[in-house]
Protein backbone atom coordinates (compact mmCIF):
# COMPACT_ATOMS: atom_id res chain seq x y z
CA MET A 1 -121.63 187.24 140.20
CA HIS A 2 -123.24 190.11 138.33
CA ARG A 3 -126.13 190.15 140.86
CA ARG A 4 -123.77 190.27 143.81
CA PHE A 5 -121.89 193.16 142.20
CA MET A 6 -125.17 195.06 141.65
CA ARG A 7 -126.12 194.56 145.32
CA TYR A 8 -122.82 196.08 146.41
CA VAL A 9 -123.35 199.01 144.06
CA ILE A 10 -126.87 199.61 145.40
CA VAL A 11 -125.72 199.33 149.04
CA PHE A 12 -122.83 201.67 148.29
CA ILE A 13 -125.14 204.23 146.66
CA LEU A 14 -127.62 204.08 149.56
CA ALA A 15 -124.85 204.43 152.14
CA GLY A 16 -123.47 207.40 150.21
CA ALA A 17 -126.91 209.02 150.10
CA VAL A 18 -127.31 208.59 153.87
CA ILE A 19 -123.88 210.07 154.54
CA VAL A 20 -124.48 213.02 152.20
CA SER A 21 -127.92 213.76 153.65
CA ASN A 22 -126.58 213.64 157.22
CA GLY A 23 -123.67 215.83 156.21
CA CYS A 24 -126.03 218.42 154.76
CA ASP A 25 -128.22 218.38 157.86
CA SER A 26 -125.25 219.13 160.10
CA GLN A 27 -124.29 222.14 157.98
CA LYS A 28 -127.62 223.93 158.15
CA SER A 29 -127.38 227.56 159.13
CA VAL A 30 -129.18 228.10 162.41
CA LYS A 31 -129.77 231.59 163.68
CA PRO A 32 -129.75 231.76 167.46
CA ASP A 33 -132.85 233.16 169.12
CA ARG A 34 -131.69 236.59 170.33
CA SER A 35 -134.41 236.71 172.96
CA SER A 36 -132.87 233.79 174.83
CA LEU A 37 -129.47 235.45 175.08
CA GLY A 38 -128.55 237.29 178.25
CA ASP A 39 -127.09 240.78 178.36
CA SER A 40 -123.54 239.41 178.37
CA ALA A 41 -123.97 237.50 175.10
CA ARG A 42 -124.82 239.86 172.26
CA LEU A 43 -124.60 239.05 168.60
CA PRO A 44 -123.17 241.64 166.21
CA ASP A 45 -125.53 243.59 163.97
CA SER A 46 -123.14 243.05 161.06
CA GLU A 47 -119.81 241.46 160.24
CA LEU A 48 -117.43 242.94 157.71
CA ARG A 49 -114.29 241.42 156.24
CA GLY A 50 -111.48 243.48 154.79
CA ALA A 51 -113.22 246.63 156.02
CA GLU A 52 -112.19 250.21 156.71
CA ILE A 53 -113.47 252.73 159.24
CA SER A 54 -112.60 256.43 159.11
CA LEU A 55 -112.73 258.72 162.12
CA TYR A 56 -113.38 262.41 161.52
CA GLU A 57 -112.85 265.71 163.26
CA GLY A 58 -115.33 267.98 161.56
CA SER A 59 -114.98 267.14 157.87
CA ALA A 60 -111.31 266.09 158.07
CA VAL A 61 -110.28 262.45 158.35
CA THR A 62 -108.04 262.05 161.40
CA THR A 63 -107.70 258.27 161.48
CA GLY A 64 -108.04 255.43 159.00
CA ILE A 65 -108.66 251.97 160.45
CA LYS A 66 -108.36 248.82 158.34
CA ALA A 67 -109.13 245.37 159.70
CA ASP A 68 -109.37 241.83 158.42
CA ARG A 69 -112.65 241.42 160.31
CA ILE A 70 -115.00 243.85 162.06
CA LEU A 71 -118.03 242.97 164.16
CA LYS A 72 -120.37 245.97 164.46
CA PHE A 73 -122.70 246.53 167.40
CA GLU A 74 -124.73 249.55 166.27
CA PRO A 75 -126.79 250.35 169.42
CA GLN A 76 -123.59 250.49 171.51
CA ASP A 77 -121.66 252.55 168.90
CA SER A 78 -119.06 249.82 169.09
CA ALA A 79 -117.09 247.69 166.66
CA VAL A 80 -114.68 244.89 167.51
CA ALA A 81 -111.88 244.64 164.96
CA TYR A 82 -109.25 241.99 164.33
CA ASN A 83 -105.79 242.35 162.79
CA LEU A 84 -105.82 246.14 162.75
CA LYS A 85 -103.82 248.59 160.70
CA ILE A 86 -104.39 252.18 161.75
CA GLN A 87 -103.08 255.36 160.17
CA PHE A 88 -103.15 258.79 161.80
CA PHE A 89 -103.39 261.94 159.67
CA ASP A 90 -102.56 265.56 160.44
CA SER A 91 -104.92 268.49 159.76
CA SER A 92 -103.77 268.70 156.12
CA GLY A 93 -104.56 265.00 155.51
CA LYS A 94 -100.93 263.86 155.50
CA ALA A 95 -100.20 260.47 157.15
CA VAL A 96 -98.06 261.00 160.28
CA SER A 97 -97.94 257.56 161.94
CA ASP A 98 -98.95 253.93 161.51
CA LEU A 99 -100.20 251.57 164.18
CA ILE A 100 -100.82 247.81 164.09
CA GLY A 101 -102.28 245.39 166.61
CA ASP A 102 -104.08 242.09 167.03
CA SER A 103 -107.53 243.41 167.96
CA GLY A 104 -109.36 246.49 169.11
CA ILE A 105 -112.58 248.25 169.97
CA VAL A 106 -113.68 251.25 167.91
CA ARG A 107 -116.37 253.77 168.88
CA GLU A 108 -116.96 255.77 165.72
CA GLY A 109 -119.43 258.23 167.27
CA LYS A 110 -116.97 259.22 169.99
CA GLY A 111 -113.92 259.01 167.72
CA LEU A 112 -112.02 256.74 170.08
CA PHE A 113 -110.47 253.31 169.90
CA GLU A 114 -108.49 250.86 172.01
CA ILE A 115 -106.04 248.38 170.50
CA TYR A 116 -104.73 245.19 172.11
CA GLY A 117 -101.97 242.64 171.54
CA ASN A 118 -98.60 243.09 169.83
CA VAL A 119 -99.17 246.81 169.33
CA ILE A 120 -96.54 248.65 167.28
CA ALA A 121 -96.76 252.33 166.38
CA GLN A 122 -94.29 254.02 164.02
CA SER A 123 -93.94 257.66 163.13
CA ILE A 124 -93.64 258.19 159.40
CA ASP A 125 -91.29 261.18 159.51
CA ARG A 126 -89.46 260.86 162.86
CA ASN A 127 -87.84 257.39 163.03
CA THR A 128 -89.70 256.55 166.26
CA GLN A 129 -91.23 253.18 167.14
CA LEU A 130 -93.46 252.36 170.10
CA GLU A 131 -94.13 248.78 171.25
CA THR A 132 -96.69 247.74 173.86
CA ASP A 133 -99.63 245.41 174.52
CA TYR A 134 -102.34 248.07 174.78
CA LEU A 135 -103.01 251.60 173.50
CA LYS A 136 -105.99 253.91 173.62
CA TRP A 137 -106.72 256.97 171.48
CA ASN A 138 -108.29 259.67 173.65
CA PRO A 139 -110.00 262.17 171.32
CA GLU A 140 -110.83 264.57 174.17
CA ILE A 141 -107.13 265.46 174.58
CA ASN A 142 -105.88 264.23 171.15
CA ARG A 143 -103.44 261.82 172.74
CA ILE A 144 -102.43 258.18 172.58
CA GLN A 145 -102.39 256.72 176.10
CA THR A 146 -101.57 253.49 177.92
CA ASP A 147 -100.86 252.20 181.40
CA ALA A 148 -99.10 249.10 180.00
CA PHE A 149 -95.37 248.47 179.66
CA VAL A 150 -93.89 250.39 176.70
CA LYS A 151 -90.68 250.32 174.72
CA ILE A 152 -89.79 253.33 172.58
CA THR A 153 -86.99 253.21 170.05
CA LYS A 154 -85.81 256.48 168.54
CA GLY A 155 -82.77 255.98 166.35
CA ASN A 156 -80.27 254.11 168.55
CA ASP A 157 -81.94 255.16 171.81
CA VAL A 158 -84.30 252.81 173.67
CA ILE A 159 -86.54 253.92 176.53
CA THR A 160 -88.75 251.56 178.54
CA GLY A 161 -91.36 252.24 181.17
CA TRP A 162 -94.91 251.81 182.40
CA GLY A 163 -97.57 254.08 180.99
CA LEU A 164 -97.33 256.63 178.23
CA GLU A 165 -98.97 259.66 176.73
CA THR A 166 -98.04 260.96 173.27
CA ASP A 167 -99.39 262.85 170.29
CA ARG A 168 -100.38 261.12 167.05
CA ARG A 169 -96.97 261.91 165.49
CA LEU A 170 -95.11 260.21 168.39
CA SER A 171 -93.05 263.40 168.68
CA ARG A 172 -93.97 264.45 172.24
CA VAL A 173 -93.71 261.28 174.31
CA LYS A 174 -94.23 261.26 178.06
CA ILE A 175 -93.38 258.04 179.93
CA LEU A 176 -95.38 257.89 183.16
CA ARG A 177 -92.97 255.62 185.06
CA GLN A 178 -89.55 254.95 183.54
CA VAL A 179 -87.80 251.60 184.08
């Protein structure tokens, strides 16, 4: 009986060793060969979690971008960010509006970004909220823009339409096509 028990123990230990060694083999980190990837499949140069990006105009911070995850593509001056929280600042450094969204593309060198999915912007001092699926910051004209459907709530007033252009404070809002 003791021999039979020892056989089971040995078989059990060997089976466990095989399972553990196979499990370790399947978890090996394999770096893909970048040379075999086509132009449409690029790997990020770096990945950051819980990261922040600041956009500047001269030496003044104009925008603070926080994200749960950022994939940086240095040669393209591009970063893909997930679960974004963006804050706009005025020339004195005071926060003027907040913006959240599911994901976005940031081009630090050009000072622009696009944000996608469940986008909500709120002015800090004006009781204005903007809801849409897509927004773009255009640094050439210092405006937030979109061609998507928008809903703007200001106090008890609600305005809906397609397309929008506004300043970073959400104080001068222009709906391109009202509904």
